[in-house]
Amino acid sequence: MTSVEVLIESRAELGESPVWDAETGCLLWADLYAPAIESWRLADGHRQRWVLPETLGSFGRCDDGRLVVAMRSGIHLFEAASGALEFLCCPPGEPLAGTRFNDGKVGPDGRLLVGTMDEQCRSRPLGSLYSVSRSGETTRLHQGFIVANGLAWSADGRRLYFSDTRRDTLYVADYCLESGAMGAPRVMTVTDPAVHGRPDGGATDVAGGYWSAGVFGGVLNYWDDRGRLARQVSLPCTGPTMPCFGGPNMKTLFVTTLRKGLSEADLAAFPLSGSVLALEVEVPGVPVSTFGGASRHAELAPSSPPALL
């Protein structure tokens, strides 16, 4: 039985986008509606908090030490030490009325992939998935999402996993490291909200598995390389939003959670909703790259790639 602990007590309305910084030994995460980014140092529990001017969607680390941040008005570069915020770009036509940037993650090629969503979480397929280069060039990879979410890459960087939360569907697509192009999405699995929650943020391990936060279901779901549910971990909250691998051996799963949208009964039953959870797993995770940099995905890839879905 997996032991889950409340690592960082918080009352984040919408805790999201955990990012592990191996260089400093810090976990970073966001409270999207505060809006703020926080940092917690593993060695001594030291915390920092930076308030930003707009609603966040997600963020990642840059190769120059800054953060690349998707905010309501577009993609920005943020220097924590000085508080300097530099506008980088915004895809043409974004944001649409009633949409905002959502899940984003830096890929193995150093590009940022970021999705958009219907902010009211209705059934309007207004969301897209964009690729952003270090120079600020944007490319739309796919469209027609309600809530684009769950971005993560396989260990060799050649497969991209993602979800549409409101469609309760996980997808996988081929990914070209050289060009940043994405192949046609294939359905990995259709989830059941009563069993799995709804598929929110995701993270991959070096064995080809995909961990998905089952928001409003209080679980983490582990899907193997063939799209089968191989494990499910119950959590001490009902609203997990995203897992992230970190720690010295990349075997710690950090999980952000939310309070937004929970009933009074849920908040009474889970008063620490909005906190950051942690659990130890057996298989290490795939490191997330830095914006403008490159990763060690090729070194992490298994000698025999897992069977394609």
C-alpha atoms as a PDB file:
ATOM      1  CA  MET A   1       0.000   0.000   0.000  1.00  0.00           C
ATOM      2  CA  THR A   2       1.444   3.363  -1.046  1.00  0.00           C
ATOM      3  CA  SER A   3       1.949   5.968   1.685  1.00  0.00           C
ATOM      4  CA  VAL A   4       0.909   9.488   0.713  1.00  0.00           C
ATOM      5  CA  GLU A   5       1.926  12.474   2.834  1.00  0.00           C
ATOM      6  CA  VAL A   6       0.906  16.109   2.882  1.00  0.00           C
ATOM      7  CA  LEU A   7       4.268  17.659   2.063  1.00  0.00           C
ATOM      8  CA  ILE A   8       3.397  21.357   1.952  1.00  0.00           C
ATOM      9  CA  GLU A   9       0.298  22.699   3.651  1.00  0.00           C
ATOM     10  CA  SER A  10      -1.448  25.306   1.542  1.00  0.00           C
ATOM     11  CA  ARG A  11      -4.931  26.521   0.685  1.00  0.00           C
ATOM     12  CA  ALA A  12      -4.329  27.064  -3.012  1.00  0.00           C
ATOM     13  CA  GLU A  13      -7.554  27.648  -4.889  1.00  0.00           C
ATOM     14  CA  LEU A  14      -6.054  25.952  -7.926  1.00  0.00           C
ATOM     15  CA  GLY A  15      -2.652  24.421  -7.233  1.00  0.00           C
ATOM     16  CA  GLU A  16      -1.041  23.372 -10.508  1.00  0.00           C
ATOM     17  CA  SER A  17       2.043  22.970 -12.683  1.00  0.00           C
ATOM     18  CA  PRO A  18       4.593  21.412 -10.276  1.00  0.00           C
ATOM     19  CA  VAL A  19       8.141  21.616 -11.663  1.00  0.00           C
ATOM     20  CA  TRP A  20      11.215  19.974 -10.120  1.00  0.00           C
ATOM     21  CA  ASP A  21      14.488  21.937 -10.244  1.00  0.00           C
ATOM     22  CA  ALA A  22      17.282  19.401  -9.731  1.00  0.00           C
ATOM     23  CA  GLU A  23      19.959  22.112  -9.732  1.00  0.00           C
ATOM     24  CA  THR A  24      18.593  23.808  -6.617  1.00  0.00           C
ATOM     25  CA  GLY A  25      16.737  20.845  -5.114  1.00  0.00           C
ATOM     26  CA  CYS A  26      13.521  22.847  -5.154  1.00  0.00           C
ATOM     27  CA  LEU A  27       9.959  22.069  -6.111  1.00  0.00           C
ATOM     28  CA  LEU A  28       8.132  24.923  -7.800  1.00  0.00           C
ATOM     29  CA  TRP A  29       4.383  25.083  -8.313  1.00  0.00           C
ATOM     30  CA  ALA A  30       1.655  27.635  -9.011  1.00  0.00           C
ATOM     31  CA  ASP A  31      -1.570  28.830  -7.448  1.00  0.00           C
ATOM     32  CA  LEU A  32      -3.152  29.833 -10.739  1.00  0.00           C
ATOM     33  CA  TYR A  33      -5.756  32.250  -9.454  1.00  0.00           C
ATOM     34  CA  ALA A  34      -3.693  33.871  -6.667  1.00  0.00           C
ATOM     35  CA  PRO A  35      -1.861  34.332  -9.036  1.00  0.00           C
ATOM     36  CA  ALA A  36       1.535  33.220  -7.735  1.00  0.00           C
ATOM     37  CA  ILE A  37       4.433  30.817  -8.142  1.00  0.00           C
ATOM     38  CA  GLU A  38       5.917  29.183  -5.056  1.00  0.00           C
ATOM     39  CA  SER A  39       9.154  27.361  -4.305  1.00  0.00           C
ATOM     40  CA  TRP A  40       9.938  24.775  -1.594  1.00  0.00           C
ATOM     41  CA  ARG A  41      13.476  23.517  -0.960  1.00  0.00           C
ATOM     42  CA  LEU A  42      13.735  19.817  -0.198  1.00  0.00           C
ATOM     43  CA  ALA A  43      16.817  20.123   2.035  1.00  0.00           C
ATOM     44  CA  ASP A  44      15.339  22.475   4.638  1.00  0.00           C
ATOM     45  CA  GLY A  45      11.746  23.305   3.681  1.00  0.00           C
ATOM     46  CA  HIS A  46      12.567  26.928   2.798  1.00  0.00           C
ATOM     47  CA  ARG A  47       9.660  28.548   0.930  1.00  0.00           C
ATOM     48  CA  GLN A  48       9.441  31.519  -1.408  1.00  0.00           C
ATOM     49  CA  ARG A  49       6.478  33.077  -3.204  1.00  0.00           C
ATOM     50  CA  TRP A  50       6.281  35.394  -6.217  1.00  0.00           C
ATOM     51  CA  VAL A  51       3.019  37.152  -7.046  1.00  0.00           C
ATOM     52  CA  LEU A  52       2.314  37.708 -10.749  1.00  0.00           C
ATOM     53  CA  PRO A  53      -0.080  40.187 -12.375  1.00  0.00           C
ATOM     54  CA  GLU A  54      -2.361  37.790 -14.272  1.00  0.00           C
ATOM     55  CA  THR A  55      -4.030  34.414 -13.992  1.00  0.00           C
ATOM     56  CA  LEU A  56      -1.552  31.653 -14.770  1.00  0.00           C
ATOM     57  CA  GLY A  57      -2.012  28.527 -16.811  1.00  0.00           C
ATOM     58  CA  SER A  58       1.369  26.844 -16.335  1.00  0.00           C
ATOM     59  CA  PHE A  59       5.100  27.485 -16.339  1.00  0.00           C
ATOM     60  CA  GLY A  60       8.471  25.809 -16.918  1.00  0.00           C
ATOM     61  CA  ARG A  61      12.152  26.425 -16.345  1.00  0.00           C
ATOM     62  CA  CYS A  62      14.381  28.174 -18.879  1.00  0.00           C
ATOM     63  CA  ASP A  63      17.976  27.279 -19.650  1.00  0.00           C
ATOM     64  CA  ASP A  64      19.066  30.754 -18.477  1.00  0.00           C
ATOM     65  CA  GLY A  65      17.514  30.407 -15.006  1.00  0.00           C
ATOM     66  CA  ARG A  66      14.295  32.283 -15.738  1.00  0.00           C
ATOM     67  CA  LEU A  67      10.820  30.795 -15.906  1.00  0.00           C
ATOM     68  CA  VAL A  68       8.626  30.651 -18.998  1.00  0.00           C
ATOM     69  CA  VAL A  69       5.094  31.445 -17.864  1.00  0.00           C
ATOM     70  CA  ALA A  70       1.785  31.107 -19.692  1.00  0.00           C
ATOM     71  CA  MET A  71      -0.486  33.872 -18.399  1.00  0.00           C
ATOM     72  CA  ARG A  72      -3.776  35.264 -19.573  1.00  0.00           C
ATOM     73  CA  SER A  73      -2.162  37.694 -22.028  1.00  0.00           C
ATOM     74  CA  GLY A  74       0.355  35.265 -23.499  1.00  0.00           C
ATOM     75  CA  ILE A  75       3.751  33.674 -22.890  1.00  0.00           C
ATOM     76  CA  HIS A  76       6.190  35.595 -20.705  1.00  0.00           C
ATOM     77  CA  LEU A  77       9.709  35.171 -19.306  1.00  0.00           C
ATOM     78  CA  PHE A  78       9.993  35.758 -15.557  1.00  0.00           C
ATOM     79  CA  GLU A  79      13.152  36.397 -13.545  1.00  0.00           C
ATOM     80  CA  ALA A  80      12.430  35.525  -9.928  1.00  0.00           C
ATOM     81  CA  ALA A  81      15.412  37.370  -8.432  1.00  0.00           C
ATOM     82  CA  SER A  82      14.434  40.760  -9.853  1.00  0.00           C
ATOM     83  CA  GLY A  83      10.736  40.223 -10.541  1.00  0.00           C
ATOM     84  CA  ALA A  84      11.293  41.272 -14.161  1.00  0.00           C
ATOM     85  CA  LEU A  85       8.628  40.045 -16.559  1.00  0.00           C
ATOM     86  CA  GLU A  86       9.269  40.043 -20.315  1.00  0.00           C
ATOM     87  CA  PHE A  87       6.541  39.370 -22.880  1.00  0.00           C
ATOM     88  CA  LEU A  88       7.670  36.722 -25.366  1.00  0.00           C
ATOM     89  CA  CYS A  89       4.704  35.978 -27.631  1.00  0.00           C
ATOM     90  CA  CYS A  90       1.054  35.060 -27.972  1.00  0.00           C
ATOM     91  CA  PRO A  91      -0.328  32.762 -30.681  1.00  0.00           C
ATOM     92  CA  PRO A  92      -2.345  34.713 -33.272  1.00  0.00           C
ATOM     93  CA  GLY A  93      -5.988  35.025 -32.290  1.00  0.00           C
ATOM     94  CA  GLU A  94      -5.431  33.977 -28.674  1.00  0.00           C
ATOM     95  CA  PRO A  95      -6.889  34.194 -26.196  1.00  0.00           C
ATOM     96  CA  LEU A  96     -10.378  33.657 -27.565  1.00  0.00           C
ATOM     97  CA  ALA A  97     -13.333  35.026 -25.628  1.00  0.00           C
ATOM     98  CA  GLY A  98     -13.888  32.803 -22.605  1.00  0.00           C
ATOM     99  CA  THR A  99     -10.632  30.857 -22.970  1.00  0.00           C
ATOM    100  CA  ARG A 100      -7.278  30.903 -21.192  1.00  0.00           C
ATOM    101  CA  PHE A 101      -3.940  29.117 -21.354  1.00  0.00           C
ATOM    102  CA  ASN A 102      -3.878  25.883 -19.387  1.00  0.00           C
ATOM    103  CA  ASP A 103      -1.399  23.025 -19.010  1.00  0.00           C
ATOM    104  CA  GLY A 104       2.044  23.603 -20.457  1.00  0.00           C
ATOM    105  CA  LYS A 105       5.337  21.748 -20.329  1.00  0.00           C
ATOM    106  CA  VAL A 106       8.778  22.071 -21.874  1.00  0.00           C
ATOM    107  CA  GLY A 107       9.471  19.256 -24.301  1.00  0.00           C
ATOM    108  CA  PRO A 108      12.640  17.236 -24.856  1.00  0.00           C
ATOM    109  CA  ASP A 109      13.585  19.538 -27.720  1.00  0.00           C
ATOM    110  CA  GLY A 110      13.473  22.678 -25.558  1.00  0.00           C
ATOM    111  CA  ARG A 111      10.172  23.920 -26.975  1.00  0.00           C
ATOM    112  CA  LEU A 112       7.247  24.839 -24.758  1.00  0.00           C
ATOM    113  CA  LEU A 113       3.988  23.082 -25.511  1.00  0.00           C
ATOM    114  CA  VAL A 114       0.954  24.794 -24.027  1.00  0.00           C
ATOM    115  CA  GLY A 115      -2.759  24.205 -24.380  1.00  0.00           C
ATOM    116  CA  THR A 116      -5.797  26.443 -24.107  1.00  0.00           C
ATOM    117  CA  MET A 117      -9.213  25.683 -22.662  1.00  0.00           C
ATOM    118  CA  ASP A 118     -12.789  26.803 -22.291  1.00  0.00           C
ATOM    119  CA  GLU A 119     -12.414  28.603 -18.972  1.00  0.00           C
ATOM    120  CA  GLN A 120     -15.964  27.789 -17.904  1.00  0.00           C
ATOM    121  CA  CYS A 121     -15.281  24.071 -18.567  1.00  0.00           C
ATOM    122  CA  ARG A 122     -18.396  23.805 -20.685  1.00  0.00           C
ATOM    123  CA  SER A 123     -18.472  21.718 -23.853  1.00  0.00           C
ATOM    124  CA  ARG A 124     -17.112  24.292 -26.303  1.00  0.00           C
ATOM    125  CA  PRO A 125     -14.181  22.844 -28.301  1.00  0.00           C
ATOM    126  CA  LEU A 126     -12.271  26.129 -28.393  1.00  0.00           C
ATOM    127  CA  GLY A 127      -8.946  24.832 -27.084  1.00  0.00           C
ATOM    128  CA  SER A 128      -5.754  24.330 -29.062  1.00  0.00           C
ATOM    129  CA  LEU A 129      -2.286  22.939 -28.424  1.00  0.00           C
ATOM    130  CA  TYR A 130       0.611  25.205 -29.347  1.00  0.00           C
ATOM    131  CA  SER A 131       4.353  24.811 -29.690  1.00  0.00           C
ATOM    132  CA  VAL A 132       6.490  27.826 -28.711  1.00  0.00           C
ATOM    133  CA  SER A 133      10.146  28.178 -29.676  1.00  0.00           C
ATOM    134  CA  ARG A 134      12.785  30.077 -27.699  1.00  0.00           C
ATOM    135  CA  SER A 135      12.579  32.885 -30.251  1.00  0.00           C
ATOM    136  CA  GLY A 136       8.830  33.239 -29.677  1.00  0.00           C
ATOM    137  CA  GLU A 137       7.633  31.542 -32.853  1.00  0.00           C
ATOM    138  CA  THR A 138       4.340  29.718 -32.288  1.00  0.00           C
ATOM    139  CA  THR A 139       2.840  26.772 -34.148  1.00  0.00           C
ATOM    140  CA  ARG A 140      -0.611  25.293 -33.575  1.00  0.00           C
ATOM    141  CA  LEU A 141      -0.204  21.515 -33.353  1.00  0.00           C
ATOM    142  CA  HIS A 142      -3.819  20.537 -32.777  1.00  0.00           C
ATOM    143  CA  GLN A 143      -7.207  22.102 -32.088  1.00  0.00           C
ATOM    144  CA  GLY A 144     -10.722  21.189 -31.003  1.00  0.00           C
ATOM    145  CA  PHE A 145     -10.014  20.593 -27.313  1.00  0.00           C
ATOM    146  CA  ILE A 146     -12.404  21.548 -24.555  1.00  0.00           C
ATOM    147  CA  VAL A 147      -9.634  21.437 -21.927  1.00  0.00           C
ATOM    148  CA  ALA A 148      -6.149  20.644 -23.293  1.00  0.00           C
ATOM    149  CA  ASN A 149      -4.223  18.964 -20.487  1.00  0.00           C
ATOM    150  CA  GLY A 150      -1.880  16.220 -19.276  1.00  0.00           C
ATOM    151  CA  LEU A 151       1.241  16.897 -21.379  1.00  0.00           C
ATOM    152  CA  ALA A 152       4.161  14.481 -20.948  1.00  0.00           C
ATOM    153  CA  TRP A 153       6.727  12.739 -23.167  1.00  0.00           C
ATOM    154  CA  SER A 154       8.037   9.183 -23.281  1.00  0.00           C
ATOM    155  CA  ALA A 155      11.605   8.582 -22.135  1.00  0.00           C
ATOM    156  CA  ASP A 156      12.953   8.716 -25.687  1.00  0.00           C
ATOM    157  CA  GLY A 157      10.960  11.874 -26.418  1.00  0.00           C
ATOM    158  CA  ARG A 158       9.264  10.301 -29.419  1.00  0.00           C
ATOM    159  CA  ARG A 159       5.767   9.983 -27.987  1.00  0.00           C
ATOM    160  CA  LEU A 160       3.621  12.748 -26.558  1.00  0.00           C
ATOM    161  CA  TYR A 161       0.838  12.007 -24.084  1.00  0.00           C
ATOM    162  CA  PHE A 162      -1.985  14.434 -23.345  1.00  0.00           C
ATOM    163  CA  SER A 163      -5.645  14.556 -22.413  1.00  0.00           C
ATOM    164  CA  ASP A 164      -8.881  16.422 -22.910  1.00  0.00           C
ATOM    165  CA  THR A 165     -10.236  16.582 -19.389  1.00  0.00           C
ATOM    166  CA  ARG A 166     -13.837  17.292 -20.294  1.00  0.00           C
ATOM    167  CA  ARG A 167     -13.907  14.512 -22.872  1.00  0.00           C
ATOM    168  CA  ASP A 168     -12.473  12.059 -20.298  1.00  0.00           C
ATOM    169  CA  THR A 169      -9.950  10.911 -22.893  1.00  0.00           C
ATOM    170  CA  LEU A 170      -6.207  10.259 -22.893  1.00  0.00           C
ATOM    171  CA  TYR A 171      -4.319  10.514 -26.177  1.00  0.00           C
ATOM    172  CA  VAL A 172      -0.898   9.646 -27.513  1.00  0.00           C
ATOM    173  CA  ALA A 173       0.812  10.976 -30.629  1.00  0.00           C
ATOM    174  CA  ASP A 174       4.165  10.552 -32.323  1.00  0.00           C
ATOM    175  CA  TYR A 175       6.497  13.498 -31.738  1.00  0.00           C
ATOM    176  CA  CYS A 176       9.398  14.649 -33.918  1.00  0.00           C
ATOM    177  CA  LEU A 177      12.291  15.936 -31.815  1.00  0.00           C
ATOM    178  CA  GLU A 178      13.985  17.514 -34.800  1.00  0.00           C
ATOM    179  CA  SER A 179      11.057  19.612 -36.068  1.00  0.00           C
ATOM    180  CA  GLY A 180       8.678  19.720 -33.097  1.00  0.00           C
ATOM    181  CA  ALA A 181       5.896  18.315 -35.283  1.00  0.00           C
ATOM    182  CA  MET A 182       3.187  16.134 -33.760  1.00  0.00           C
ATOM    183  CA  GLY A 183       1.525  13.191 -35.493  1.00  0.00           C
ATOM    184  CA  ALA A 184      -2.201  12.492 -35.538  1.00  0.00           C
ATOM    185  CA  PRO A 185      -3.512  11.876 -31.982  1.00  0.00           C
ATOM    186  CA  ARG A 186      -4.626   8.343 -31.143  1.00  0.00           C
ATOM    187  CA  VAL A 187      -6.989   7.541 -28.299  1.00  0.00           C
ATOM    188  CA  MET A 188      -5.072   5.770 -25.528  1.00  0.00           C
ATOM    189  CA  THR A 189      -8.078   5.240 -23.298  1.00  0.00           C
ATOM    190  CA  VAL A 190     -11.456   6.731 -22.402  1.00  0.00           C
ATOM    191  CA  THR A 191     -11.782   7.153 -18.649  1.00  0.00           C
ATOM    192  CA  ASP A 192     -14.773   6.860 -16.331  1.00  0.00           C
ATOM    193  CA  PRO A 193     -15.198   9.875 -13.987  1.00  0.00           C
ATOM    194  CA  ALA A 194     -16.802   7.642 -11.346  1.00  0.00           C
ATOM    195  CA  VAL A 195     -13.776   5.333 -11.320  1.00  0.00           C
ATOM    196  CA  HIS A 196     -10.802   7.414 -12.449  1.00  0.00           C
ATOM    197  CA  GLY A 197     -11.839  11.000 -11.782  1.00  0.00           C
ATOM    198  CA  ARG A 198     -11.250  13.241 -14.785  1.00  0.00           C
ATOM    199  CA  PRO A 199      -7.826  13.184 -16.489  1.00  0.00           C
ATOM    200  CA  ASP A 200      -5.883  16.278 -15.467  1.00  0.00           C
ATOM    201  CA  GLY A 201      -2.095  16.736 -15.384  1.00  0.00           C
ATOM    202  CA  GLY A 202       0.285  13.896 -16.199  1.00  0.00           C
ATOM    203  CA  ALA A 203       3.884  12.681 -15.886  1.00  0.00           C
ATOM    204  CA  THR A 204       5.786   9.753 -17.424  1.00  0.00           C
ATOM    205  CA  ASP A 205       8.293   7.278 -16.010  1.00  0.00           C
ATOM    206  CA  VAL A 206      11.266   5.609 -17.701  1.00  0.00           C
ATOM    207  CA  ALA A 207       9.359   2.311 -18.052  1.00  0.00           C
ATOM    208  CA  GLY A 208       6.851   3.865 -20.458  1.00  0.00           C
ATOM    209  CA  GLY A 209       4.077   4.401 -17.918  1.00  0.00           C
ATOM    210  CA  TYR A 210       1.934   7.501 -17.565  1.00  0.00           C
ATOM    211  CA  TRP A 211       0.706   8.871 -14.225  1.00  0.00           C
ATOM    212  CA  SER A 212      -2.511  10.907 -14.523  1.00  0.00           C
ATOM    213  CA  ALA A 213      -4.182  12.987 -11.831  1.00  0.00           C
ATOM    214  CA  GLY A 214      -7.832  11.975 -11.472  1.00  0.00           C
ATOM    215  CA  VAL A 215      -9.286  15.334 -10.511  1.00  0.00           C
ATOM    216  CA  PHE A 216     -12.542  15.188  -8.508  1.00  0.00           C
ATOM    217  CA  GLY A 217     -11.904  11.462  -8.078  1.00  0.00           C
ATOM    218  CA  GLY A 218      -9.210  11.669  -5.409  1.00  0.00           C
ATOM    219  CA  VAL A 219      -6.854   9.273  -7.200  1.00  0.00           C
ATOM    220  CA  LEU A 220      -3.684   8.982  -9.239  1.00  0.00           C
ATOM    221  CA  ASN A 221      -4.061   6.596 -12.173  1.00  0.00           C
ATOM    222  CA  TYR A 222      -1.070   4.755 -13.631  1.00  0.00           C
ATOM    223  CA  TRP A 223      -1.482   3.652 -17.230  1.00  0.00           C
ATOM    224  CA  ASP A 224       1.139   1.281 -18.636  1.00  0.00           C
ATOM    225  CA  ASP A 225       2.741   1.537 -22.078  1.00  0.00           C
ATOM    226  CA  ARG A 226      -0.196  -0.338 -23.636  1.00  0.00           C
ATOM    227  CA  GLY A 227      -2.806   1.987 -22.180  1.00  0.00           C
ATOM    228  CA  ARG A 228      -3.947  -0.384 -19.425  1.00  0.00           C
ATOM    229  CA  LEU A 229      -4.711   0.807 -15.900  1.00  0.00           C
ATOM    230  CA  ALA A 230      -1.956  -0.930 -13.948  1.00  0.00           C
ATOM    231  CA  ARG A 231      -2.262   0.905 -10.636  1.00  0.00           C
ATOM    232  CA  GLN A 232      -4.456   3.388  -8.810  1.00  0.00           C
ATOM    233  CA  VAL A 233      -3.441   5.334  -5.693  1.00  0.00           C
ATOM    234  CA  SER A 234      -6.040   6.889  -3.405  1.00  0.00           C
ATOM    235  CA  LEU A 235      -5.191  10.368  -2.126  1.00  0.00           C
ATOM    236  CA  PRO A 236      -6.208  12.320   0.992  1.00  0.00           C
ATOM    237  CA  CYS A 237      -8.038  14.894  -1.120  1.00  0.00           C
ATOM    238  CA  THR A 238     -10.547  14.779  -3.933  1.00  0.00           C
ATOM    239  CA  GLY A 239      -8.921  17.268  -6.318  1.00  0.00           C
ATOM    240  CA  PRO A 240      -5.426  16.248  -7.464  1.00  0.00           C
ATOM    241  CA  THR A 241      -4.385  18.330 -10.452  1.00  0.00           C
ATOM    242  CA  MET A 242      -0.904  17.276 -11.606  1.00  0.00           C
ATOM    243  CA  PRO A 243       1.887  14.876 -10.642  1.00  0.00           C
ATOM    244  CA  CYS A 244       5.559  15.716 -11.084  1.00  0.00           C
ATOM    245  CA  PHE A 245       8.625  13.527 -10.577  1.00  0.00           C
ATOM    246  CA  GLY A 246      11.497  14.837  -8.476  1.00  0.00           C
ATOM    247  CA  GLY A 247      13.796  14.216  -5.550  1.00  0.00           C
ATOM    248  CA  PRO A 248      17.415  12.964  -5.630  1.00  0.00           C
ATOM    249  CA  ASN A 249      16.547   9.740  -7.481  1.00  0.00           C
ATOM    250  CA  MET A 250      13.479  10.990  -9.395  1.00  0.00           C
ATOM    251  CA  LYS A 251      11.276   8.513  -7.535  1.00  0.00           C
ATOM    252  CA  THR A 252       9.191  11.030  -5.617  1.00  0.00           C
ATOM    253  CA  LEU A 253       5.846  12.018  -7.095  1.00  0.00           C
ATOM    254  CA  PHE A 254       4.784  15.486  -6.017  1.00  0.00           C
ATOM    255  CA  VAL A 255       1.082  16.188  -6.562  1.00  0.00           C
ATOM    256  CA  THR A 256      -0.649  19.566  -6.549  1.00  0.00           C
ATOM    257  CA  THR A 257      -4.289  19.855  -5.500  1.00  0.00           C
ATOM    258  CA  LEU A 258      -7.174  22.322  -5.615  1.00  0.00           C
ATOM    259  CA  ARG A 259      -9.989  23.780  -3.521  1.00  0.00           C
ATOM    260  CA  LYS A 260     -11.854  25.437  -6.396  1.00  0.00           C
ATOM    261  CA  GLY A 261     -15.103  23.672  -7.253  1.00  0.00           C
ATOM    262  CA  LEU A 262     -15.186  21.497  -4.129  1.00  0.00           C
ATOM    263  CA  SER A 263     -18.353  21.226  -2.094  1.00  0.00           C
ATOM    264  CA  GLU A 264     -18.533  22.257   1.549  1.00  0.00           C
ATOM    265  CA  ALA A 265     -18.732  18.572   2.405  1.00  0.00           C
ATOM    266  CA  ASP A 266     -15.534  17.840   0.455  1.00  0.00           C
ATOM    267  CA  LEU A 267     -13.708  20.728   2.118  1.00  0.00           C
ATOM    268  CA  ALA A 268     -14.846  19.528   5.530  1.00  0.00           C
ATOM    269  CA  ALA A 269     -13.696  15.994   4.759  1.00  0.00           C
ATOM    270  CA  PHE A 270     -10.424  17.118   3.163  1.00  0.00           C
ATOM    271  CA  PRO A 271      -9.437  20.383   4.904  1.00  0.00           C
ATOM    272  CA  LEU A 272      -5.910  20.269   3.459  1.00  0.00           C
ATOM    273  CA  SER A 273      -7.170  20.471  -0.128  1.00  0.00           C
ATOM    274  CA  GLY A 274      -4.965  22.938  -1.983  1.00  0.00           C
ATOM    275  CA  SER A 275      -1.811  21.472  -0.424  1.00  0.00           C
ATOM    276  CA  VAL A 276       1.041  19.618  -2.146  1.00  0.00           C
ATOM    277  CA  LEU A 277       1.211  15.849  -1.614  1.00  0.00           C
ATOM    278  CA  ALA A 278       4.127  13.441  -2.034  1.00  0.00           C
ATOM    279  CA  LEU A 279       4.556   9.699  -2.447  1.00  0.00           C
ATOM    280  CA  GLU A 280       7.441   7.394  -3.312  1.00  0.00           C
ATOM    281  CA  VAL A 281       7.280   5.098  -6.349  1.00  0.00           C
ATOM    282  CA  GLU A 282       9.546   2.314  -7.619  1.00  0.00           C
ATOM    283  CA  VAL A 283      10.247   3.530 -11.164  1.00  0.00           C
ATOM    284  CA  PRO A 284      11.965   6.910 -11.674  1.00  0.00           C
ATOM    285  CA  GLY A 285      10.363   9.610 -13.749  1.00  0.00           C
ATOM    286  CA  VAL A 286      11.417  11.239 -16.985  1.00  0.00           C
ATOM    287  CA  PRO A 287      13.082  14.621 -16.291  1.00  0.00           C
ATOM    288  CA  VAL A 288      11.371  17.667 -17.750  1.00  0.00           C
ATOM    289  CA  SER A 289      13.580  19.796 -19.970  1.00  0.00           C
ATOM    290  CA  THR A 290      14.396  23.496 -19.853  1.00  0.00           C
ATOM    291  CA  PHE A 291      13.033  26.020 -22.335  1.00  0.00           C
ATOM    292  CA  GLY A 292      15.646  26.662 -25.004  1.00  0.00           C
ATOM    293  CA  GLY A 293      17.756  23.753 -23.796  1.00  0.00           C
ATOM    294  CA  ALA A 294      17.915  20.015 -24.427  1.00  0.00           C
ATOM    295  CA  SER A 295      17.339  17.021 -22.211  1.00  0.00           C
ATOM    296  CA  ARG A 296      18.719  13.556 -21.569  1.00  0.00           C
ATOM    297  CA  HIS A 297      15.737  11.759 -23.092  1.00  0.00           C
ATOM    298  CA  ALA A 298      17.842   9.696 -25.473  1.00  0.00           C
ATOM    299  CA  GLU A 299      19.979   8.411 -22.585  1.00  0.00           C
ATOM    300  CA  LEU A 300      16.840   7.420 -20.649  1.00  0.00           C
ATOM    301  CA  ALA A 301      15.162   5.557 -23.478  1.00  0.00           C
ATOM    302  CA  PRO A 302      14.818   1.783 -23.046  1.00  0.00           C
ATOM    303  CA  SER A 303      16.969  -0.346 -25.342  1.00  0.00           C
ATOM    304  CA  SER A 304      13.812  -1.877 -26.812  1.00  0.00           C
ATOM    305  CA  PRO A 305      11.000   0.659 -27.167  1.00  0.00           C
ATOM    306  CA  PRO A 306       7.626  -0.340 -25.715  1.00  0.00           C
ATOM    307  CA  ALA A 307       4.933  -1.526 -28.080  1.00  0.00           C
ATOM    308  CA  LEU A 308       3.079   1.258 -29.828  1.00  0.00           C
ATOM    309  CA  LEU A 309      -0.516   1.846 -28.839  1.00  0.00           C
END
